[in-house]
């Protein structure tokens, strides 16, 4: 297949949001040696304001409002466990937070392509 044809098809697929690109970062290469996920439960009447507050906390890289076991799933990157503890304290202090359950990521297992 001609290269220009492939490029045009990829461009159309991207414009129609059929394909998306994601970047995987090796956080240890930028000094962030501790990664964790936080399951966070929040009072029902304070869900949206709490979610907005989570996005403002340094170290919280992603905030997901979920329909699963927890109301929110937060992804945290930090330099060490002490920093993680401070972030957990800040998350816990957000108005309406009932429970925070941190899980430190021990090892990332990469998918073989």
Protein backbone atom coordinates (compact mmCIF):
# COMPACT_ATOMS: atom_id res chain seq x y z
CA UNK A 1 0.00 0.00 0.00
CA UNK A 2 1.21 3.49 -0.77
CA UNK A 3 2.48 5.49 2.25
CA UNK A 4 0.30 8.52 1.47
CA UNK A 5 -2.80 6.28 1.39
CA UNK A 6 -1.96 4.88 4.82
CA UNK A 7 -1.37 8.39 6.23
CA UNK A 8 -4.71 9.61 4.86
CA UNK A 9 -6.54 6.63 6.38
CA UNK A 10 -4.87 7.15 9.76
CA UNK A 11 -5.72 10.86 9.67
CA UNK A 12 -9.38 10.08 8.95
CA UNK A 13 -9.49 7.48 11.73
CA UNK A 14 -7.96 9.99 14.18
CA UNK A 15 -10.36 12.77 13.15
CA UNK A 16 -13.31 10.42 13.64
CA UNK A 17 -11.90 9.35 17.03
CA UNK A 18 -11.71 5.72 15.97
CA UNK A 19 -8.07 5.53 17.04
CA UNK A 20 -6.36 7.35 19.90
CA UNK A 21 -2.78 7.52 21.06
CA UNK A 22 -1.59 7.03 24.61
CA UNK A 23 1.80 7.65 26.11
CA UNK A 24 3.25 5.38 28.77
CA UNK A 25 5.70 7.19 31.04
CA UNK A 26 8.46 5.49 32.98
CA UNK A 27 7.96 7.62 36.09
CA UNK A 28 11.19 6.42 37.71
CA UNK A 29 13.14 8.17 34.93
CA UNK A 30 11.73 11.53 36.05
CA UNK A 31 12.31 11.00 39.78
CA UNK A 32 8.84 9.75 40.67
CA UNK A 33 9.65 6.41 42.24
CA UNK A 34 6.32 5.70 43.97
CA UNK A 35 3.10 5.09 42.09
CA UNK A 36 -0.17 4.38 43.84
CA UNK A 37 -3.87 4.10 43.22
CA UNK A 38 -6.32 5.50 45.73
CA UNK A 39 -9.86 4.18 46.03
CA UNK A 40 -11.85 7.07 47.48
CA UNK A 41 -15.38 7.02 48.89
CA UNK A 42 -17.27 10.32 49.16
CA UNK A 43 -20.62 11.40 50.58
CA UNK A 44 -23.16 11.28 47.74
CA UNK A 45 -24.08 14.96 48.00
CA UNK A 46 -20.43 16.02 47.63
CA UNK A 47 -19.29 13.83 44.72
CA UNK A 48 -18.69 16.49 42.06
CA UNK A 49 -17.08 19.15 44.28
CA UNK A 50 -14.76 16.50 45.75
CA UNK A 51 -13.77 15.29 42.29
CA UNK A 52 -12.83 18.82 41.27
CA UNK A 53 -10.77 19.27 44.45
CA UNK A 54 -8.85 16.02 43.80
CA UNK A 55 -7.65 17.41 40.47
CA UNK A 56 -6.04 20.35 42.30
CA UNK A 57 -3.86 18.23 44.60
CA UNK A 58 -0.21 18.11 43.44
CA UNK A 59 0.86 14.53 42.75
CA UNK A 60 -2.62 13.35 41.76
CA UNK A 61 -2.15 12.65 38.05
CA UNK A 62 -5.53 11.20 37.11
CA UNK A 63 -8.99 11.27 38.67
CA UNK A 64 -11.67 8.81 37.60
CA UNK A 65 -15.28 8.94 38.80
CA UNK A 66 -16.28 5.29 38.85
CA UNK A 67 -19.33 3.11 39.23
CA UNK A 68 -17.36 0.35 40.92
CA UNK A 69 -16.39 -0.36 44.49
CA UNK A 70 -15.29 3.25 45.10
CA UNK A 71 -16.66 6.59 44.02
CA UNK A 72 -13.28 7.71 42.69
CA UNK A 73 -10.07 6.11 41.56
CA UNK A 74 -7.04 8.39 41.77
CA UNK A 75 -3.64 7.71 40.22
CA UNK A 76 -0.75 9.24 42.18
CA UNK A 77 2.89 9.64 41.20
CA UNK A 78 5.30 10.80 43.87
CA UNK A 79 8.94 10.73 44.90
CA UNK A 80 8.62 8.45 47.94
CA UNK A 81 6.23 6.94 50.47
CA UNK A 82 6.39 9.96 52.76
CA UNK A 83 5.16 12.16 49.90
CA UNK A 84 2.44 9.61 49.19
CA UNK A 85 1.36 9.81 52.82
CA UNK A 86 1.04 13.60 52.55
CA UNK A 87 -1.06 13.25 49.40
CA UNK A 88 -3.33 10.71 51.12
CA UNK A 89 -3.74 13.19 53.98
CA UNK A 90 -4.73 15.95 51.53
CA UNK A 91 -7.21 13.66 49.76
CA UNK A 92 -8.65 12.61 53.13
CA UNK A 93 -9.11 16.27 54.11
CA UNK A 94 -11.33 17.07 51.11
CA UNK A 95 -14.87 17.86 52.26
CA UNK A 96 -17.10 14.79 52.00
CA UNK A 97 -14.36 12.14 51.85
CA UNK A 98 -15.39 9.13 53.92
CA UNK A 99 -12.60 6.65 53.15
CA UNK A 100 -9.29 6.47 51.26
CA UNK A 101 -7.77 3.10 50.41
CA UNK A 102 -4.26 3.42 48.93
CA UNK A 103 -2.61 0.65 46.94
CA UNK A 104 1.08 1.09 46.12
CA UNK A 105 1.94 -0.23 42.67
CA UNK A 106 4.77 -2.71 43.13
CA UNK A 107 5.63 -3.50 39.53
CA UNK A 108 4.38 -2.52 36.10
CA UNK A 109 4.10 -5.50 33.79
CA UNK A 110 4.34 -4.39 30.20
CA UNK A 111 2.26 -5.91 27.48
CA UNK A 112 4.33 -7.53 24.76
CA UNK A 113 3.37 -6.29 21.32
